[in-house]
Every structure is written in structure tokens, then in C-alpha cells.
């Protein structure tokens, strides 16, 4: 009977060793998955922000395209790029106003006296 209890104990030890190795192997696999999941999550967030930016740009470009498809838009582009004008139109040059210098403060009497010399 001593032999069977000893072989049962050996079987239990072998089973526990294999079970422990299995747990360590699964822990190793999980340890490798966690950084990959985090990188994937960050890439999803970055891709979503890029998509939102591109959708906003697309909306603005569509608005510009709709503007350019009108007669007024075509005329504006032609005027800006080629510098043309309709018959009878003249060039207007807008000149900024001259800067007004602040008035000079009156000189003290003793400085005016030195001007005589």
C-alpha cells in the first residue's frame, strides 16, 4: 500500500507541475497581448481623429466647389488669377492714411534761451 500512495503523490506532483507551467505559459501570453492591445487602441483613436479632420476638410472643399460652380465664383477666380476686369472698370488703389505724429511738447524757457547762443 505504501507504493500506491507514493505513486499517487508522484502523479499529483507531476500534475501540479504541469498545471503550474500551463498557468505560467498563459500568463506569458497575456503579458504579450496587453501592449499590442494598447497600441491598437491608440491607433484607433489617432485614425478616428484623422478621419474627423479629413471629413471637416472635405466639407470645406465641397463648400468651396459649390461656390466656384456659380457665375460669381467663376468670375472671382478669373479676376484673382488672371487680373482681368469688366469693360468700364478701373483700378482703385487704396492708400493707407498717413500716421499722425503726436504734437511736440513745448520746450522749457531755459532751452529756448540756449538757442539764442
PDB file of N, CA and C in Angstrom:
ATOM      1  N   UNK A   1       0.814  -1.182   0.000  1.00  0.00           N
ATOM      2  CA  UNK A   1       0.000   0.000   0.000  1.00  0.00           C
ATOM      3  C   UNK A   1       0.863   1.254   0.000  1.00  0.00           C
ATOM      4  N   UNK A   2       2.015   1.173   0.502  1.00  0.00           N
ATOM      5  CA  UNK A   2       2.902   2.306   0.555  1.00  0.00           C
ATOM      6  C   UNK A   2       3.287   2.751  -0.855  1.00  0.00           C
ATOM      7  N   UNK A   3       3.397   1.753  -1.744  1.00  0.00           N
ATOM      8  CA  UNK A   3       3.766   2.070  -3.105  1.00  0.00           C
ATOM      9  C   UNK A   3       2.676   2.865  -3.832  1.00  0.00           C
ATOM     10  N   UNK A   4       1.441   2.530  -3.675  1.00  0.00           N
ATOM     11  CA  UNK A   4       0.361   3.206  -4.387  1.00  0.00           C
ATOM     12  C   UNK A   4       0.178   4.629  -3.881  1.00  0.00           C
ATOM     13  N   UNK A   5       0.387   4.857  -2.608  1.00  0.00           N
ATOM     14  CA  UNK A   5       0.241   6.231  -2.108  1.00  0.00           C
ATOM     15  C   UNK A   5       1.421   7.075  -2.608  1.00  0.00           C
ATOM     16  N   UNK A   6       2.589   6.397  -2.720  1.00  0.00           N
ATOM     17  CA  UNK A   6       3.739   7.130  -3.224  1.00  0.00           C
ATOM     18  C   UNK A   6       3.563   7.454  -4.704  1.00  0.00           C
ATOM     19  N   UNK A   7       3.035   6.551  -5.517  1.00  0.00           N
ATOM     20  CA  UNK A   7       2.825   6.812  -6.931  1.00  0.00           C
ATOM     21  C   UNK A   7       1.697   7.834  -7.113  1.00  0.00           C
ATOM     22  N   UNK A   8       0.705   7.813  -6.241  1.00  0.00           N
ATOM     23  CA  UNK A   8      -0.371   8.808  -6.315  1.00  0.00           C
ATOM     24  C   UNK A   8       0.200  10.184  -5.988  1.00  0.00           C
ATOM     25  N   UNK A   9       1.097  10.253  -5.021  1.00  0.00           N
ATOM     26  CA  UNK A   9       1.703  11.524  -4.666  1.00  0.00           C
ATOM     27  C   UNK A   9       2.576  12.024  -5.822  1.00  0.00           C
ATOM     28  N   UNK A  10       3.299  11.110  -6.464  1.00  0.00           N
ATOM     29  CA  UNK A  10       4.121  11.498  -7.605  1.00  0.00           C
ATOM     30  C   UNK A  10       3.260  12.003  -8.763  1.00  0.00           C
ATOM     31  N   UNK A  11       2.130  11.367  -8.982  1.00  0.00           N
ATOM     32  CA  UNK A  11       1.220  11.805 -10.024  1.00  0.00           C
ATOM     33  C   UNK A  11       0.674  13.198  -9.703  1.00  0.00           C
ATOM     34  N   UNK A  12       0.342  13.399  -8.434  1.00  0.00           N
ATOM     35  CA  UNK A  12      -0.178  14.715  -8.029  1.00  0.00           C
ATOM     36  C   UNK A  12       0.883  15.798  -8.207  1.00  0.00           C
ATOM     37  N   UNK A  13       2.135  15.492  -7.863  1.00  0.00           N
ATOM     38  CA  UNK A  13       3.220  16.450  -8.007  1.00  0.00           C
ATOM     39  C   UNK A  13       3.447  16.751  -9.492  1.00  0.00           C
ATOM     40  N   UNK A  14       3.447  15.706 -10.329  1.00  0.00           N
ATOM     41  CA  UNK A  14       3.641  15.903 -11.764  1.00  0.00           C
ATOM     42  C   UNK A  14       2.485  16.742 -12.335  1.00  0.00           C
ATOM     43  N   UNK A  15       1.244  16.425 -11.906  1.00  0.00           N
ATOM     44  CA  UNK A  15       0.092  17.195 -12.384  1.00  0.00           C
ATOM     45  C   UNK A  15       0.191  18.654 -11.948  1.00  0.00           C
ATOM     46  N   UNK A  16       0.569  18.903 -10.720  1.00  0.00           N
ATOM     47  CA  UNK A  16       0.692  20.269 -10.223  1.00  0.00           C
ATOM     48  C   UNK A  16       1.806  21.020 -10.968  1.00  0.00           C
ATOM     49  N   UNK A  17       2.901  20.320 -11.270  1.00  0.00           N
ATOM     50  CA  UNK A  17       3.995  20.956 -12.002  1.00  0.00           C
ATOM     51  C   UNK A  17       3.531  21.333 -13.406  1.00  0.00           C
ATOM     52  N   UNK A  18       2.857  20.423 -14.102  1.00  0.00           N
ATOM     53  CA  UNK A  18       2.348  20.731 -15.434  1.00  0.00           C
ATOM     54  C   UNK A  18       1.296  21.840 -15.386  1.00  0.00           C
ATOM     55  N   UNK A  19       0.434  21.781 -14.379  1.00  0.00           N
ATOM     56  CA  UNK A  19      -0.593  22.812 -14.226  1.00  0.00           C
ATOM     57  C   UNK A  19       0.063  24.179 -13.974  1.00  0.00           C
ATOM     58  N   UNK A  20       1.105  24.228 -13.136  1.00  0.00           N
ATOM     59  CA  UNK A  20       1.824  25.482 -12.859  1.00  0.00           C
ATOM     60  C   UNK A  20       2.503  26.004 -14.124  1.00  0.00           C
ATOM     61  N   UNK A  21       3.127  25.097 -14.892  1.00  0.00           N
ATOM     62  CA  UNK A  21       3.749  25.514 -16.150  1.00  0.00           C
ATOM     63  C   UNK A  21       2.701  26.058 -17.123  1.00  0.00           C
ATOM     64  N   UNK A  22       1.538  25.433 -17.164  1.00  0.00           N
ATOM     65  CA  UNK A  22       0.457  25.917 -18.019  1.00  0.00           C
ATOM     66  C   UNK A  22       0.000  27.315 -17.614  1.00  0.00           C
ATOM     67  N   UNK A  23      -0.132  27.549 -16.324  1.00  0.00           N
ATOM     68  CA  UNK A  23      -0.534  28.868 -15.830  1.00  0.00           C
ATOM     69  C   UNK A  23       0.526  29.913 -16.184  1.00  0.00           C
ATOM     70  N   UNK A  24       1.810  29.560 -16.008  1.00  0.00           N
ATOM     71  CA  UNK A  24       2.884  30.488 -16.365  1.00  0.00           C
ATOM     72  C   UNK A  24       2.882  30.788 -17.865  1.00  0.00           C
ATOM     73  N   UNK A  25       2.624  29.765 -18.687  1.00  0.00           N
ATOM     74  CA  UNK A  25       2.590  29.959 -20.132  1.00  0.00           C
ATOM     75  C   UNK A  25       1.448  30.905 -20.531  1.00  0.00           C
ATOM     76  N   UNK A  26       0.258  30.701 -19.938  1.00  0.00           N
ATOM     77  CA  UNK A  26      -0.875  31.597 -20.219  1.00  0.00           C
ATOM     78  C   UNK A  26      -0.593  33.019 -19.742  1.00  0.00           C
ATOM     79  N   UNK A  27       0.064  33.168 -18.597  1.00  0.00           N
ATOM     80  CA  UNK A  27       0.420  34.499 -18.101  1.00  0.00           C
ATOM     81  C   UNK A  27       1.389  35.181 -19.064  1.00  0.00           C
ATOM     82  N   UNK A  28       2.342  34.424 -19.598  1.00  0.00           N
ATOM     83  CA  UNK A  28       3.292  34.963 -20.573  1.00  0.00           C
ATOM     84  C   UNK A  28       2.560  35.430 -21.835  1.00  0.00           C
ATOM     85  N   UNK A  29       1.607  34.649 -22.299  1.00  0.00           N
ATOM     86  CA  UNK A  29       0.842  35.020 -23.487  1.00  0.00           C
ATOM     87  C   UNK A  29       0.036  36.300 -23.243  1.00  0.00           C
ATOM     88  N   UNK A  30      -0.590  36.396 -22.098  1.00  0.00           N
ATOM     89  CA  UNK A  30      -1.377  37.587 -21.761  1.00  0.00           C
ATOM     90  C   UNK A  30      -0.465  38.792 -21.646  1.00  0.00           C
ATOM     91  N   UNK A  31       0.709  38.605 -21.061  1.00  0.00           N
ATOM     92  CA  UNK A  31       1.677  39.703 -20.912  1.00  0.00           C
ATOM     93  C   UNK A  31       2.085  40.254 -22.285  1.00  0.00           C
ATOM     94  N   UNK A  32       2.137  39.396 -23.295  1.00  0.00           N
ATOM     95  CA  UNK A  32       2.492  39.851 -24.637  1.00  0.00           C
ATOM     96  C   UNK A  32       1.324  40.507 -25.362  1.00  0.00           C
ATOM     97  N   UNK A  33       0.093  40.181 -25.004  1.00  0.00           N
ATOM     98  CA  UNK A  33      -1.080  40.732 -25.677  1.00  0.00           C
ATOM     99  C   UNK A  33      -1.389  42.144 -25.197  1.00  0.00           C
ATOM    100  N   UNK A  34      -1.147  42.452 -23.949  1.00  0.00           N
ATOM    101  CA  UNK A  34      -1.522  43.742 -23.374  1.00  0.00           C
ATOM    102  C   UNK A  34      -0.891  44.919 -24.124  1.00  0.00           C
ATOM    103  N   UNK A  35       0.425  44.952 -24.395  1.00  0.00           N
ATOM    104  CA  UNK A  35       0.975  46.094 -25.144  1.00  0.00           C
ATOM    105  C   UNK A  35       0.418  46.198 -26.564  1.00  0.00           C
ATOM    106  N   UNK A  36       0.161  45.045 -27.188  1.00  0.00           N
ATOM    107  CA  UNK A  36      -0.395  45.064 -28.536  1.00  0.00           C
ATOM    108  C   UNK A  36      -1.791  45.680 -28.536  1.00  0.00           C
ATOM    109  N   UNK A  37      -2.582  45.350 -27.529  1.00  0.00           N
ATOM    110  CA  UNK A  37      -3.934  45.902 -27.421  1.00  0.00           C
ATOM    111  C   UNK A  37      -3.875  47.409 -27.202  1.00  0.00           C
ATOM    112  N   UNK A  38      -2.934  47.861 -26.375  1.00  0.00           N
ATOM    113  CA  UNK A  38      -2.817  49.292 -26.104  1.00  0.00           C
ATOM    114  C   UNK A  38      -2.400  50.049 -27.375  1.00  0.00           C
ATOM    115  N   UNK A  39      -1.442  49.498 -28.118  1.00  0.00           N
ATOM    116  CA  UNK A  39      -1.036  50.133 -29.368  1.00  0.00           C
ATOM    117  C   UNK A  39      -2.200  50.187 -30.360  1.00  0.00           C
ATOM    118  N   UNK A  40      -2.965  49.106 -30.437  1.00  0.00           N
ATOM    119  CA  UNK A  40      -4.105  49.073 -31.357  1.00  0.00           C
ATOM    120  C   UNK A  40      -5.150  50.116 -30.951  1.00  0.00           C
ATOM    121  N   UNK A  41      -5.394  50.260 -29.649  1.00  0.00           N
ATOM    122  CA  UNK A  41      -6.367  51.240 -29.164  1.00  0.00           C
ATOM    123  C   UNK A  41      -5.914  52.658 -29.487  1.00  0.00           C
ATOM    124  N   UNK A  42      -4.614  52.947 -29.313  1.00  0.00           N
ATOM    125  CA  UNK A  42      -4.092  54.275 -29.635  1.00  0.00           C
ATOM    126  C   UNK A  42      -4.171  54.555 -31.134  1.00  0.00           C
ATOM    127  N   UNK A  43      -3.911  53.545 -31.954  1.00  0.00           N
ATOM    128  CA  UNK A  43      -4.015  53.724 -33.403  1.00  0.00           C
ATOM    129  C   UNK A  43      -5.454  53.993 -33.820  1.00  0.00           C
ATOM    130  N   UNK A  44      -6.401  53.347 -33.163  1.00  0.00           N
ATOM    131  CA  UNK A  44      -7.813  53.591 -33.474  1.00  0.00           C
ATOM    132  C   UNK A  44      -8.173  55.031 -33.146  1.00  0.00           C
ATOM    133  N   UNK A  45      -7.721  55.530 -31.987  1.00  0.00           N
ATOM    134  CA  UNK A  45      -8.015  56.922 -31.615  1.00  0.00           C
ATOM    135  C   UNK A  45      -7.378  57.889 -32.615  1.00  0.00           C
ATOM    136  N   UNK A  46      -6.143  57.634 -32.992  1.00  0.00           N
ATOM    137  CA  UNK A  46      -5.452  58.504 -33.952  1.00  0.00           C
ATOM    138  C   UNK A  46      -6.148  58.476 -35.306  1.00  0.00           C
ATOM    139  N   UNK A  47      -6.570  57.298 -35.739  1.00  0.00           N
ATOM    140  CA  UNK A  47      -7.256  57.170 -37.021  1.00  0.00           C
ATOM    141  C   UNK A  47      -8.603  57.887 -36.986  1.00  0.00           C
ATOM    142  N   UNK A  48      -9.315  57.798 -35.871  1.00  0.00           N
ATOM    143  CA  UNK A  48     -10.598  58.496 -35.750  1.00  0.00           C
ATOM    144  C   UNK A  48     -10.405  60.012 -35.796  1.00  0.00           C
ATOM    145  N   UNK A  49      -9.355  60.512 -35.154  1.00  0.00           N
ATOM    146  CA  UNK A  49      -9.118  61.958 -35.201  1.00  0.00           C
ATOM    147  C   UNK A  49      -8.729  62.390 -36.619  1.00  0.00           C
ATOM    148  N   UNK A  50      -7.946  61.582 -37.323  1.00  0.00           N
ATOM    149  CA  UNK A  50      -7.606  61.893 -38.711  1.00  0.00           C
ATOM    150  C   UNK A  50      -8.846  61.886 -39.596  1.00  0.00           C
ATOM    151  N   UNK A  51      -9.745  60.929 -39.345  1.00  0.00           N
ATOM    152  CA  UNK A  51     -10.972  60.853 -40.116  1.00  0.00           C
ATOM    153  C   UNK A  51     -11.830  62.092 -39.897  1.00  0.00           C
ATOM    154  N   UNK A  52     -11.936  62.528 -38.645  1.00  0.00           N
ATOM    155  CA  UNK A  52     -12.718  63.735 -38.356  1.00  0.00           C
ATOM    156  C   UNK A  52     -12.108  64.950 -39.047  1.00  0.00           C
ATOM    157  N   UNK A  53     -10.788  65.050 -39.025  1.00  0.00           N
ATOM    158  CA  UNK A  53     -10.109  66.161 -39.690  1.00  0.00           C
ATOM    159  C   UNK A  53     -10.347  66.124 -41.197  1.00  0.00           C
ATOM    160  N   UNK A  54     -10.245  64.950 -41.790  1.00  0.00           N
ATOM    161  CA  UNK A  54     -10.463  64.825 -43.228  1.00  0.00           C
ATOM    162  C   UNK A  54     -11.911  65.111 -43.617  1.00  0.00           C
ATOM    163  N   UNK A  55     -12.855  64.702 -42.764  1.00  0.00           N
ATOM    164  CA  UNK A  55     -14.264  64.992 -43.056  1.00  0.00           C
ATOM    165  C   UNK A  55     -14.531  66.489 -43.002  1.00  0.00           C
ATOM    166  N   UNK A  56     -13.913  67.180 -42.044  1.00  0.00           N
ATOM    167  CA  UNK A  56     -14.078  68.635 -41.964  1.00  0.00           C
ATOM    168  C   UNK A  56     -13.469  69.299 -43.200  1.00  0.00           C
ATOM    169  N   UNK A  57     -12.319  68.829 -43.618  1.00  0.00           N
ATOM    170  CA  UNK A  57     -11.672  69.383 -44.814  1.00  0.00           C
ATOM    171  C   UNK A  57     -12.517  69.119 -46.054  1.00  0.00           C
ATOM    172  N   UNK A  58     -13.089  67.907 -46.138  1.00  0.00           N
ATOM    173  CA  UNK A  58     -13.939  67.575 -47.275  1.00  0.00           C
ATOM    174  C   UNK A  58     -15.158  68.499 -47.325  1.00  0.00           C
ATOM    175  N   UNK A  59     -15.764  68.771 -46.167  1.00  0.00           N
ATOM    176  CA  UNK A  59     -16.926  69.660 -46.129  1.00  0.00           C
ATOM    177  C   UNK A  59     -16.548  71.054 -46.614  1.00  0.00           C
ATOM    178  N   UNK A  60     -15.391  71.544 -46.182  1.00  0.00           N
ATOM    179  CA  UNK A  60     -14.949  72.872 -46.615  1.00  0.00           C
ATOM    180  C   UNK A  60     -14.657  72.893 -48.113  1.00  0.00           C
ATOM    181  N   UNK A  61     -14.028  71.845 -48.623  1.00  0.00           N
ATOM    182  CA  UNK A  61     -13.733  71.783 -50.057  1.00  0.00           C
ATOM    183  C   UNK A  61     -15.008  71.693 -50.887  1.00  0.00           C
ATOM    184  N   UNK A  62     -15.984  70.952 -50.395  1.00  0.00           N
ATOM    185  CA  UNK A  62     -17.264  70.878 -51.109  1.00  0.00           C
ATOM    186  C   UNK A  62     -17.951  72.244 -51.138  1.00  0.00           C
ATOM    187  N   UNK A  63     -17.865  72.965 -50.012  1.00  0.00           N
ATOM    188  CA  UNK A  63     -18.448  74.306 -49.960  1.00  0.00           C
ATOM    189  C   UNK A  63     -17.758  75.216 -50.965  1.00  0.00           C
ATOM    190  N   UNK A  64     -16.422  75.149 -51.018  1.00  0.00           N
ATOM    191  CA  UNK A  64     -15.680  75.953 -51.991  1.00  0.00           C
ATOM    192  C   UNK A  64     -16.031  75.564 -53.426  1.00  0.00           C
ATOM    193  N   UNK A  65     -16.189  74.280 -53.671  1.00  0.00           N
ATOM    194  CA  UNK A  65     -16.535  73.809 -55.001  1.00  0.00           C
ATOM    195  C   UNK A  65     -17.927  74.294 -55.396  1.00  0.00           C
ATOM    196  N   UNK A  66     -18.870  74.251 -54.470  1.00  0.00           N
ATOM    197  CA  UNK A  66     -20.202  74.767 -54.757  1.00  0.00           C
ATOM    198  C   UNK A  66     -20.161  76.257 -55.058  1.00  0.00           C
ATOM    199  N   UNK A  67     -19.314  76.989 -54.338  1.00  0.00           N
ATOM    200  CA  UNK A  67     -19.157  78.424 -54.588  1.00  0.00           C
ATOM    201  C   UNK A  67     -18.576  78.681 -55.966  1.00  0.00           C
ATOM    202  N   UNK A  68     -17.592  77.872 -56.357  1.00  0.00           N
ATOM    203  CA  UNK A  68     -16.931  78.070 -57.645  1.00  0.00           C
ATOM    204  C   UNK A  68     -17.818  77.679 -58.818  1.00  0.00           C
ATOM    205  N   UNK A  69     -18.831  76.880 -58.601  1.00  0.00           N
ATOM    206  CA  UNK A  69     -19.718  76.468 -59.683  1.00  0.00           C
ATOM    207  C   UNK A  69     -20.747  77.539 -60.038  1.00  0.00           C
ATOM    208  N   UNK A  70     -20.783  78.632 -59.308  1.00  0.00           N
ATOM    209  CA  UNK A  70     -21.696  79.717 -59.636  1.00  0.00           C
ATOM    210  C   UNK A  70     -20.992  80.691 -60.583  1.00  0.00           C
ATOM    211  N   UNK A  71     -21.774  81.534 -61.245  1.00  0.00           N
ATOM    212  CA  UNK A  71     -21.199  82.534 -62.154  1.00  0.00           C
ATOM    213  C   UNK A  71     -20.306  83.514 -61.391  1.00  0.00           C
ATOM    214  N   UNK A  72     -20.769  83.919 -60.229  1.00  0.00           N
ATOM    215  CA  UNK A  72     -19.996  84.872 -59.428  1.00  0.00           C
ATOM    216  C   UNK A  72     -18.667  84.262 -58.987  1.00  0.00           C
ATOM    217  N   UNK A  73     -18.680  82.979 -58.633  1.00  0.00           N
ATOM    218  CA  UNK A  73     -17.454  82.301 -58.229  1.00  0.00           C
ATOM    219  C   UNK A  73     -16.459  82.185 -59.374  1.00  0.00           C
ATOM    220  N   UNK A  74     -16.958  81.849 -60.544  1.00  0.00           N
ATOM    221  CA  UNK A  74     -16.082  81.756 -61.714  1.00  0.00           C
ATOM    222  C   UNK A  74     -15.467  83.115 -62.021  1.00  0.00           C
ATOM    223  N   UNK A  75     -16.286  84.157 -61.929  1.00  0.00           N
ATOM    224  CA  UNK A  75     -15.783  85.500 -62.189  1.00  0.00           C
ATOM    225  C   UNK A  75     -14.727  85.898 -61.165  1.00  0.00           C
ATOM    226  N   UNK A  76     -14.948  85.561 -59.904  1.00  0.00           N
ATOM    227  CA  UNK A  76     -13.994  85.912 -58.852  1.00  0.00           C
ATOM    228  C   UNK A  76     -12.655  85.213 -59.067  1.00  0.00           C
ATOM    229  N   UNK A  77     -12.696  83.946 -59.437  1.00  0.00           N
ATOM    230  CA  UNK A  77     -11.448  83.210 -59.689  1.00  0.00           C
ATOM    231  C   UNK A  77     -10.725  83.799 -60.889  1.00  0.00           C
ATOM    232  N   UNK A  78     -11.460  84.128 -61.925  1.00  0.00           N
ATOM    233  CA  UNK A  78     -10.847  84.714 -63.116  1.00  0.00           C
ATOM    234  C   UNK A  78     -10.200  86.048 -62.786  1.00  0.00           C
ATOM    235  N   UNK A  79     -10.881  86.867 -61.994  1.00  0.00           N
ATOM    236  CA  UNK A  79     -10.314  88.162 -61.613  1.00  0.00           C
ATOM    237  C   UNK A  79      -9.060  87.995 -60.758  1.00  0.00           C
ATOM    238  N   UNK A  80      -9.109  87.044 -59.813  1.00  0.00           N
ATOM    239  CA  UNK A  80      -7.960  86.851 -58.910  1.00  0.00           C
ATOM    240  C   UNK A  80      -6.755  86.262 -59.627  1.00  0.00           C
ATOM    241  N   UNK A  81      -6.978  85.263 -60.465  1.00  0.00           N
ATOM    242  CA  UNK A  81      -5.839  84.572 -61.072  1.00  0.00           C
ATOM    243  C   UNK A  81      -5.293  85.305 -62.291  1.00  0.00           C
ATOM    244  N   UNK A  82      -6.161  85.856 -63.121  1.00  0.00           N
ATOM    245  CA  UNK A  82      -5.712  86.489 -64.369  1.00  0.00           C
ATOM    246  C   UNK A  82      -5.633  88.004 -64.286  1.00  0.00           C
ATOM    247  N   UNK A  83      -6.241  88.597 -63.272  1.00  0.00           N
ATOM    248  CA  UNK A  83      -6.184  90.046 -63.124  1.00  0.00           C
ATOM    249  C   UNK A  83      -6.973  90.790 -64.183  1.00  0.00           C
ATOM    250  N   UNK A  84      -8.097  90.229 -64.619  1.00  0.00           N
ATOM    251  CA  UNK A  84      -8.912  90.880 -65.641  1.00  0.00           C
ATOM    252  C   UNK A  84     -10.001  91.715 -64.987  1.00  0.00           C
ATOM    253  N   UNK A  85     -10.586  92.621 -65.780  1.00  0.00           N
ATOM    254  CA  UNK A  85     -11.673  93.469 -65.301  1.00  0.00           C
ATOM    255  C   UNK A  85     -12.731  93.563 -66.391  1.00  0.00           C
ATOM    256  N   UNK A  86     -13.919  93.890 -66.003  1.00  0.00           N
ATOM    257  CA  UNK A  86     -15.002  94.079 -66.969  1.00  0.00           C
ATOM    258  C   UNK A  86     -14.807  95.401 -67.702  1.00  0.00           C
ATOM    259  N   UNK A  87     -15.373  95.549 -68.866  1.00  0.00           N
ATOM    260  CA  UNK A  87     -15.253  96.819 -69.582  1.00  0.00           C
ATOM    261  C   UNK A  87     -15.845  97.968 -68.749  1.00  0.00           C
ATOM    262  N   UNK A  88     -15.110  99.048 -68.671  1.00  0.00           N
ATOM    263  CA  UNK A  88     -15.565 100.206 -67.915  1.00  0.00           C
ATOM    264  C   UNK A  88     -15.056 100.237 -66.483  1.00  0.00           C
ATOM    265  N   UNK A  89     -14.493  99.158 -66.015  1.00  0.00           N
ATOM    266  CA  UNK A  89     -13.967  99.143 -64.647  1.00  0.00           C
ATOM    267  C   UNK A  89     -12.560  99.723 -64.638  1.00  0.00           C
ATOM    268  N   UNK A  90     -12.234 100.379 -63.559  1.00  0.00           N
ATOM    269  CA  UNK A  90     -10.908 100.962 -63.405  1.00  0.00           C
ATOM    270  C   UNK A  90     -10.257 100.410 -62.145  1.00  0.00           C
ATOM    271  N   UNK A  91      -8.962 100.590 -62.076  1.00  0.00           N
ATOM    272  CA  UNK A  91      -8.208 100.124 -60.921  1.00  0.00           C
ATOM    273  C   UNK A  91      -8.325 101.159 -59.814  1.00  0.00           C
ATOM    274  N   UNK A  92      -8.608 100.681 -58.633  1.00  0.00           N
ATOM    275  CA  UNK A  92      -8.675 101.558 -57.461  1.00  0.00           C
ATOM    276  C   UNK A  92      -7.560 101.143 -56.526  1.00  0.00           C
ATOM    277  N   UNK A  93      -6.733 102.111 -56.170  1.00  0.00           N
ATOM    278  CA  UNK A  93      -5.640 101.838 -55.237  1.00  0.00           C
ATOM    279  C   UNK A  93      -5.994 102.494 -53.914  1.00  0.00           C
ATOM    280  N   UNK A  94      -6.058 101.702 -52.878  1.00  0.00           N
ATOM    281  CA  UNK A  94      -6.377 102.217 -51.557  1.00  0.00           C
ATOM    282  C   UNK A  94      -5.068 102.520 -50.846  1.00  0.00           C
ATOM    283  N   UNK A  95      -4.905 103.774 -50.461  1.00  0.00           N
ATOM    284  CA  UNK A  95      -3.684 104.213 -49.799  1.00  0.00           C
ATOM    285  C   UNK A  95      -3.996 104.349 -48.314  1.00  0.00           C
ATOM    286  N   UNK A  96      -3.176 103.754 -47.470  1.00  0.00           N
ATOM    287  CA  UNK A  96      -3.429 103.892 -46.037  1.00  0.00           C
ATOM    288  C   UNK A  96      -3.195 105.334 -45.590  1.00  0.00           C
ATOM    289  N   UNK A  97      -3.921 105.775 -44.595  1.00  0.00           N
ATOM    290  CA  UNK A  97      -3.736 107.158 -44.137  1.00  0.00           C
ATOM    291  C   UNK A  97      -2.347 107.344 -43.524  1.00  0.00           C
ATOM    292  N   UNK A  98      -1.839 108.572 -43.649  1.00  0.00           N
ATOM    293  CA  UNK A  98      -0.531 108.862 -43.072  1.00  0.00           C
ATOM    294  C   UNK A  98      -0.639 108.842 -41.554  1.00  0.00           C
ATOM    295  N   UNK A  99       0.442 108.415 -40.958  1.00  0.00           N
ATOM    296  CA  UNK A  99       0.466 108.387 -39.497  1.00  0.00           C
ATOM    297  C   UNK A  99       0.604 109.807 -38.968  1.00  0.00           C
ATOM    298  N   UNK A 100      -0.205 110.131 -38.009  1.00  0.00           N
ATOM    299  CA  UNK A 100      -0.153 111.448 -37.390  1.00  0.00           C
ATOM    300  C   UNK A 100       0.807 111.390 -36.213  1.00  0.00           C
ATOM    301  N   UNK A 101       1.834 112.189 -36.271  1.00  0.00           N
ATOM    302  CA  UNK A 101       2.786 112.245 -35.174  1.00  0.00           C
ATOM    303  C   UNK A 101       2.193 113.074 -34.050  1.00  0.00           C
ATOM    304  N   UNK A 102       2.457 112.678 -32.822  1.00  0.00           N
ATOM    305  CA  UNK A 102       1.925 113.471 -31.715  1.00  0.00           C
ATOM    306  C   UNK A 102       2.590 114.854 -31.715  1.00  0.00           C
ATOM    307  N   UNK A 103       1.868 115.884 -31.302  1.00  0.00           N
ATOM    308  CA  UNK A 103       2.468 117.226 -31.295  1.00  0.00           C
ATOM    309  C   UNK A 103       3.629 117.283 -30.311  1.00  0.00           C
ATOM    310  N   UNK A 104       4.621 118.079 -30.680  1.00  0.00           N
ATOM    311  CA  UNK A 104       5.793 118.211 -29.832  1.00  0.00           C
ATOM    312  C   UNK A 104       5.428 119.007 -28.583  1.00  0.00           C
ATOM    313  N   UNK A 105       6.004 118.602 -27.482  1.00  0.00           N
ATOM    314  CA  UNK A 105       5.767 119.324 -26.230  1.00  0.00           C
ATOM    315  C   UNK A 105       6.541 120.647 -26.283  1.00  0.00           C
ATOM    316  N   UNK A 106       5.977 121.710 -25.728  1.00  0.00           N
ATOM    317  CA  UNK A 106       6.706 122.986 -25.745  1.00  0.00           C
ATOM    318  C   UNK A 106       8.003 122.867 -24.954  1.00  0.00           C
ATOM    319  N   UNK A 107       9.038 123.535 -25.489  1.00  0.00           N
ATOM    320  CA  UNK A 107      10.338 123.470 -24.836  1.00  0.00           C
ATOM    321  C   UNK A 107      10.358 124.427 -23.648  1.00  0.00           C
ATOM    322  N   UNK A 108      11.088 124.043 -22.619  1.00  0.00           N
ATOM    323  CA  UNK A 108      11.187 124.955 -21.467  1.00  0.00           C
ATOM    324  C   UNK A 108      11.929 126.247 -21.847  1.00  0.00           C
ATOM    325  N   UNK A 109      11.716 127.281 -21.044  1.00  0.00           N
ATOM    326  CA  UNK A 109      12.259 128.608 -21.361  1.00  0.00           C
ATOM    327  C   UNK A 109      13.767 128.617 -21.380  1.00  0.00           C
ATOM    328  N   UNK A 110      14.406 127.813 -20.530  1.00  0.00           N
ATOM    329  CA  UNK A 110      15.861 127.845 -20.462  1.00  0.00           C
ATOM    330  C   UNK A 110      16.495 127.195 -21.689  1.00  0.00           C
ATOM    331  N   UNK A 111      15.797 126.188 -22.336  1.00  0.00           N
ATOM    332  CA  UNK A 111      16.329 125.608 -23.571  1.00  0.00           C
ATOM    333  C   UNK A 111      16.162 126.590 -24.727  1.00  0.00           C
ATOM    334  N   UNK A 112      15.068 127.331 -24.717  1.00  0.00           N
ATOM    335  CA  UNK A 112      14.886 128.338 -25.757  1.00  0.00           C
ATOM    336  C   UNK A 112      15.931 129.440 -25.637  1.00  0.00           C
ATOM    337  N   UNK A 113      16.358 129.693 -24.401  1.00  0.00           N
ATOM    338  CA  UNK A 113      17.372 130.725 -24.163  1.00  0.00           C
ATOM    339  C   UNK A 113      18.713 130.296 -24.763  1.00  0.00           C
ATOM    340  N   UNK A 114      19.022 128.992 -24.660  1.00  0.00           N
ATOM    341  CA  UNK A 114      20.295 128.495 -25.218  1.00  0.00           C
ATOM    342  C   UNK A 114      20.288 128.529 -26.742  1.00  0.00           C
ATOM    343  N   UNK A 115      19.123 128.481 -27.346  1.00  0.00           N
ATOM    344  CA  UNK A 115      19.057 128.543 -28.797  1.00  0.00           C
ATOM    345  C   UNK A 115      19.575 129.896 -29.320  1.00  0.00           C
ATOM    346  N   UNK A 116      19.512 130.931 -28.510  1.00  0.00           N
ATOM    347  CA  UNK A 116      19.992 132.237 -28.917  1.00  0.00           C
ATOM    348  C   UNK A 116      21.513 132.246 -29.056  1.00  0.00           C
ATOM    349  N   UNK A 117      22.155 131.377 -28.288  1.00  0.00           N
ATOM    350  CA  UNK A 117      23.630 131.428 -28.277  1.00  0.00           C
ATOM    351  C   UNK A 117      24.155 130.496 -29.257  1.00  0.00           C
TER     352      UNK A 117
END
